Amino acid sequence: MTIHISHAIIMRTWEFGETDLLVSFFTSDKGRLKGVAKGARKSMKRFANCLDLFSPVKLEYELKRGRELYFIHSGKLVHGFPGIRSDFSSLSLASYMAELTETLFPVGVVAKRMFELLNGSFAALNENKNIDELRVLFESKAMALGGYGIDLSRCCNCGRLYKEEGRAVFKRKKGGIACLKCEKESRNSPGLGPATVKTLRMIQSTPWAKAQTLDLTKEMIYEIKPVLKLHIEYRIGQRLKTSEYLE
C-alpha cells in the first residue's frame, strides 16, 4: 500500500456513517477519485477546513487493498475561495463546473489540463469575474479538453474552408459549423459572426491563462451561449442538473 500526496480540488462530500465523510476529489496527477475521510466530521486537526466544496487542497491518501475507495489520511487547505460562496450566482456556477467536469472525466481518468482549468476557473470566480463570460470560457475549454471541441475550420456539409468571412451556422448533430449556402440560421441552428468564430476557436485552443485575456464582447457571449448549450446537451446526452440554477 502506497501513500499518495496530491494537489486536489474538493468536488462533493456526503455524510458517511456517524463521523466520516465520503469525498469526491479531483487530483492533478490521478484524475477524479473517491475516498473516505475517517472522523472528518469531528477531527479539526487532520481536516481543518480542507474539505469545503470547491477548495484547492493538498491531500494525503492511500488505496486499501481489496477496496475501491481511497482512505484519506489528512489534508491541508491551499485556498478557501470565500468569494465563491458570497452569492448564489457564483455558487451555482461553481456547482455547474464541478458537474460538467464529473460528466466529461470519469473516475481515474488523468487530466492535468482539466485540473488546471477547474482550479483557474474557481480562482477567477472567487475574484468576482463576470459570470456569463467565465461560463463561456469554461464550457468551451472543458468540452475541448473532453474531446468534444466544436469544429470551426470548415463547413460540415460541403467541406469548404471557413476563412472568417461572413456568418456561420452551428450544427449540433455534427459538432461543427456550416456556411450560409448550406444552412440557414434558426433556433436550433444559431448563427455566429466571424469575430465570434475566431474568438471561440482561440478559447478552445489556447491555454487557460491566455484564454482569460481574450476580449469577449457582449455580442460574442450572446452568440456563443446558445451554441454551447445545444452542443453540451447533445454531446453528453443530458441536461446537467445544476444548469437550471444558471438560467
Protein backbone atom coordinates (compact mmCIF):
# COMPACT_ATOMS: atom_id res chain seq x y z
CA MET A 1 0.00 0.00 0.00
CA THR A 2 1.41 3.34 -1.10
CA ILE A 3 0.58 6.69 0.42
CA HIS A 4 -0.04 9.41 -2.18
CA ILE A 5 0.13 13.16 -1.74
CA SER A 6 -1.68 15.21 -4.38
CA HIS A 7 -2.93 18.69 -5.04
CA ALA A 8 -6.69 18.28 -5.33
CA ILE A 9 -9.99 20.10 -5.61
CA ILE A 10 -12.92 19.04 -3.44
CA MET A 11 -15.87 18.26 -5.73
CA ARG A 12 -18.52 16.74 -3.46
CA THR A 13 -18.93 15.37 0.06
CA TRP A 14 -21.50 13.08 1.63
CA GLU A 15 -22.06 12.08 5.24
CA PHE A 16 -20.80 8.51 5.68
CA GLY A 17 -21.54 6.71 8.91
CA GLU A 18 -21.64 8.63 12.17
CA THR A 19 -18.45 10.69 11.87
CA ASP A 20 -16.97 10.05 8.40
CA LEU A 21 -17.26 11.83 5.07
CA LEU A 22 -17.29 10.32 1.60
CA VAL A 23 -15.32 12.70 -0.61
CA SER A 24 -15.11 13.12 -4.39
CA PHE A 25 -11.89 14.96 -5.24
CA PHE A 26 -10.15 15.86 -8.49
CA THR A 27 -6.37 15.49 -8.37
CA SER A 28 -3.71 16.95 -10.62
CA ASP A 29 -1.93 13.62 -11.13
CA LYS A 30 -4.56 10.88 -10.81
CA GLY A 31 -7.77 12.47 -12.04
CA ARG A 32 -11.02 12.25 -10.11
CA LEU A 33 -11.10 9.88 -7.15
CA LYS A 34 -13.35 8.98 -4.24
CA GLY A 35 -12.27 8.38 -0.69
CA VAL A 36 -13.37 8.15 2.91
CA ALA A 37 -12.17 10.73 5.44
CA LYS A 38 -12.47 8.86 8.73
CA GLY A 39 -13.71 11.04 11.57
CA ALA A 40 -13.73 14.13 9.33
CA ARG A 41 -16.88 15.48 10.93
CA LYS A 42 -15.14 15.51 14.30
CA SER A 43 -11.41 15.87 13.60
CA MET A 44 -10.35 19.53 13.45
CA LYS A 45 -6.66 18.61 13.40
CA ARG A 46 -6.42 16.37 10.32
CA PHE A 47 -9.08 18.08 8.21
CA ALA A 48 -9.22 21.69 9.37
CA ASN A 49 -11.42 23.48 6.79
CA CYS A 50 -9.88 21.44 3.96
CA LEU A 51 -12.96 19.52 2.84
CA ASP A 52 -15.10 22.52 1.90
CA LEU A 53 -16.56 22.28 -1.59
CA PHE A 54 -14.50 23.69 -4.48
CA SER A 55 -11.45 24.34 -2.29
CA PRO A 56 -7.96 23.52 -3.60
CA VAL A 57 -6.20 21.35 -1.03
CA LYS A 58 -3.25 19.03 -0.53
CA LEU A 59 -4.42 15.53 0.42
CA GLU A 60 -2.58 12.51 1.80
CA TYR A 61 -4.35 9.27 0.90
CA GLU A 62 -3.90 5.60 0.05
CA LEU A 63 -5.85 2.79 -1.62
CA LYS A 64 -6.68 -0.02 0.75
CA ARG A 65 -6.14 -3.47 -0.74
CA GLY A 66 -9.36 -5.05 -1.98
CA ARG A 67 -11.31 -1.78 -1.81
CA GLU A 68 -12.45 0.72 -4.43
CA LEU A 69 -12.38 3.75 -2.14
CA TYR A 70 -9.28 5.57 -1.02
CA PHE A 71 -8.56 6.22 2.63
CA ILE A 72 -7.87 9.93 3.16
CA HIS A 73 -5.35 10.37 5.98
CA SER A 74 -5.20 14.15 6.19
CA GLY A 75 -5.47 17.36 4.25
CA LYS A 76 -4.14 20.89 4.13
CA LEU A 77 -6.14 23.82 2.80
CA VAL A 78 -4.46 25.76 -0.03
CA HIS A 79 -7.21 28.35 -0.56
CA GLY A 80 -10.73 28.61 0.79
CA PHE A 81 -12.16 30.66 -2.12
CA PRO A 82 -14.68 32.50 0.09
CA GLY A 83 -15.82 34.61 -2.87
CA ILE A 84 -17.48 31.58 -4.45
CA ARG A 85 -19.88 31.38 -1.51
CA SER A 86 -20.54 35.12 -1.46
CA ASP A 87 -23.62 34.93 -3.70
CA PHE A 88 -25.97 32.41 -5.27
CA SER A 89 -24.78 33.02 -8.85
CA SER A 90 -21.15 32.23 -8.05
CA LEU A 91 -22.05 29.14 -6.03
CA SER A 92 -24.37 27.92 -8.79
CA LEU A 93 -21.71 28.32 -11.49
CA ALA A 94 -19.11 26.52 -9.36
CA SER A 95 -21.54 23.63 -8.84
CA TYR A 96 -22.20 23.52 -12.58
CA MET A 97 -18.47 23.49 -13.36
CA ALA A 98 -17.98 20.58 -10.98
CA GLU A 99 -20.85 18.59 -12.50
CA LEU A 100 -19.67 19.16 -16.08
CA THR A 101 -16.16 18.06 -15.08
CA GLU A 102 -17.51 14.89 -13.47
CA THR A 103 -19.56 14.13 -16.59
CA LEU A 104 -16.66 14.59 -19.01
CA PHE A 105 -13.99 12.86 -16.92
CA PRO A 106 -14.88 9.53 -15.26
CA VAL A 107 -13.18 8.39 -12.06
CA GLY A 108 -9.50 7.59 -12.56
CA VAL A 109 -9.01 9.44 -15.87
CA VAL A 110 -5.88 11.60 -15.54
CA ALA A 111 -6.49 15.11 -16.92
CA LYS A 112 -3.93 17.61 -15.69
CA ARG A 113 -5.09 20.39 -18.02
CA MET A 114 -8.67 19.92 -16.83
CA PHE A 115 -7.46 20.20 -13.24
CA GLU A 116 -5.70 23.46 -14.13
CA LEU A 117 -8.82 24.75 -15.89
CA LEU A 118 -11.08 23.93 -12.96
CA ASN A 119 -8.69 25.42 -10.43
CA GLY A 120 -8.17 28.55 -12.53
CA SER A 121 -11.90 28.96 -13.09
CA PHE A 122 -12.66 28.70 -9.37
CA ALA A 123 -9.94 31.28 -8.69
CA ALA A 124 -11.47 33.65 -11.25
CA LEU A 125 -14.94 33.07 -9.83
CA ASN A 126 -13.60 33.83 -6.37
CA GLU A 127 -12.47 37.23 -7.68
CA ASN A 128 -15.98 38.07 -8.94
CA LYS A 129 -15.19 37.67 -12.62
CA ASN A 130 -18.14 38.24 -14.99
CA ILE A 131 -20.37 35.16 -14.59
CA ASP A 132 -21.52 34.90 -18.22
CA GLU A 133 -18.04 35.38 -19.62
CA LEU A 134 -16.49 32.86 -17.25
CA ARG A 135 -19.15 30.29 -18.05
CA VAL A 136 -18.48 30.64 -21.79
CA LEU A 137 -14.73 30.31 -21.27
CA PHE A 138 -15.07 27.28 -19.02
CA GLU A 139 -17.62 25.41 -21.14
CA SER A 140 -15.65 25.97 -24.35
CA LYS A 141 -12.37 24.75 -22.90
CA ALA A 142 -13.86 21.89 -20.85
CA MET A 143 -15.64 20.44 -23.87
CA ALA A 144 -12.48 20.74 -25.98
CA LEU A 145 -10.38 19.03 -23.29
CA GLY A 146 -13.01 16.31 -23.01
CA GLY A 147 -12.70 15.57 -26.73
CA TYR A 148 -15.79 17.49 -27.84
CA GLY A 149 -14.37 20.66 -29.32
CA ILE A 150 -16.51 22.38 -31.96
CA ASP A 151 -15.03 22.11 -35.46
CA LEU A 152 -14.72 25.70 -36.66
CA SER A 153 -12.37 25.10 -39.56
CA ARG A 154 -14.76 24.24 -42.41
CA CYS A 155 -18.38 23.77 -43.42
CA CYS A 156 -19.57 20.45 -42.04
CA ASN A 157 -21.78 19.96 -45.12
CA CYS A 158 -19.78 20.97 -48.20
CA GLY A 159 -16.32 20.95 -46.63
CA ARG A 160 -15.46 24.49 -47.75
CA LEU A 161 -12.82 26.11 -45.52
CA TYR A 162 -14.15 28.85 -43.28
CA LYS A 163 -11.99 31.95 -43.80
CA GLU A 164 -13.64 34.04 -41.05
CA GLU A 165 -15.63 35.99 -43.62
CA GLY A 166 -19.38 36.19 -43.13
CA ARG A 167 -21.61 34.39 -40.66
CA ALA A 168 -21.53 30.68 -39.90
CA VAL A 169 -24.29 28.37 -38.65
CA PHE A 170 -23.78 25.88 -35.82
CA LYS A 171 -24.97 22.29 -36.45
CA ARG A 172 -25.27 20.38 -33.19
CA LYS A 173 -25.53 16.88 -34.70
CA LYS A 174 -22.21 17.35 -36.48
CA GLY A 175 -20.49 19.38 -33.77
CA GLY A 176 -19.35 21.99 -36.24
CA ILE A 177 -20.34 24.95 -38.38
CA ALA A 178 -21.93 25.24 -41.80
CA CYS A 179 -21.80 28.01 -44.37
CA LEU A 180 -24.86 30.09 -45.25
CA LYS A 181 -25.03 28.41 -48.66
CA CYS A 182 -25.72 25.09 -46.96
CA GLU A 183 -27.75 26.09 -43.88
CA LYS A 184 -29.98 28.84 -42.57
CA GLU A 185 -29.93 30.24 -39.06
CA SER A 186 -32.67 29.07 -36.72
CA ARG A 187 -33.29 28.49 -33.01
CA ASN A 188 -31.73 25.02 -33.20
CA SER A 189 -29.00 26.18 -35.58
CA PRO A 190 -27.84 29.53 -34.18
CA GLY A 191 -25.53 31.79 -36.13
CA LEU A 192 -22.08 33.08 -35.26
CA GLY A 193 -20.36 36.19 -36.59
CA PRO A 194 -16.80 35.92 -37.94
CA ALA A 195 -15.29 37.65 -34.89
CA THR A 196 -17.17 35.25 -32.62
CA VAL A 197 -15.96 32.19 -34.54
CA LYS A 198 -12.37 33.43 -34.34
CA THR A 199 -12.63 34.07 -30.60
CA LEU A 200 -14.27 30.70 -29.91
CA ARG A 201 -11.52 28.96 -31.85
CA MET A 202 -8.90 30.72 -29.74
CA ILE A 203 -10.67 29.84 -26.50
CA GLN A 204 -10.69 26.16 -27.43
CA SER A 205 -7.06 26.01 -28.49
CA THR A 206 -5.16 28.33 -26.14
CA PRO A 207 -4.03 27.69 -22.54
CA TRP A 208 -6.35 28.88 -19.76
CA ALA A 209 -4.10 31.79 -18.78
CA LYS A 210 -4.22 33.21 -22.31
CA ALA A 211 -7.92 32.46 -22.82
CA GLN A 212 -8.74 34.66 -19.83
CA THR A 213 -7.15 37.66 -21.54
CA LEU A 214 -9.33 37.44 -24.66
CA ASP A 215 -11.66 40.37 -25.18
CA LEU A 216 -15.16 38.87 -25.28
CA THR A 217 -17.79 41.42 -26.20
CA LYS A 218 -21.41 41.16 -25.04
CA GLU A 219 -22.38 40.24 -28.59
CA MET A 220 -19.89 37.35 -28.66
CA ILE A 221 -21.14 35.99 -25.34
CA TYR A 222 -24.73 36.35 -26.55
CA GLU A 223 -23.93 34.31 -29.69
CA ILE A 224 -21.79 31.65 -28.02
CA LYS A 225 -24.08 30.81 -25.08
CA PRO A 226 -26.89 29.10 -27.07
CA VAL A 227 -24.33 27.27 -29.21
CA LEU A 228 -22.63 25.77 -26.16
CA LYS A 229 -25.95 24.89 -24.55
CA LEU A 230 -27.01 22.90 -27.62
CA HIS A 231 -23.56 21.38 -28.05
CA ILE A 232 -23.18 20.22 -24.44
CA GLU A 233 -26.66 18.73 -24.12
CA TYR A 234 -26.34 16.86 -27.40
CA ARG A 235 -22.83 15.51 -26.81
CA ILE A 236 -23.32 14.34 -23.23
CA GLY A 237 -26.89 13.23 -23.86
CA GLN A 238 -28.46 15.03 -20.93
CA ARG A 239 -29.14 18.36 -19.33
CA LEU A 240 -26.99 18.87 -16.26
CA LYS A 241 -29.00 19.19 -13.05
CA THR A 242 -27.10 22.28 -11.93
CA SER A 243 -27.75 24.14 -15.20
CA GLU A 244 -31.27 25.05 -14.11
CA TYR A 245 -29.85 27.36 -11.45
CA LEU A 246 -27.92 29.31 -14.09
CA GLU A 247 -30.85 30.24 -16.29
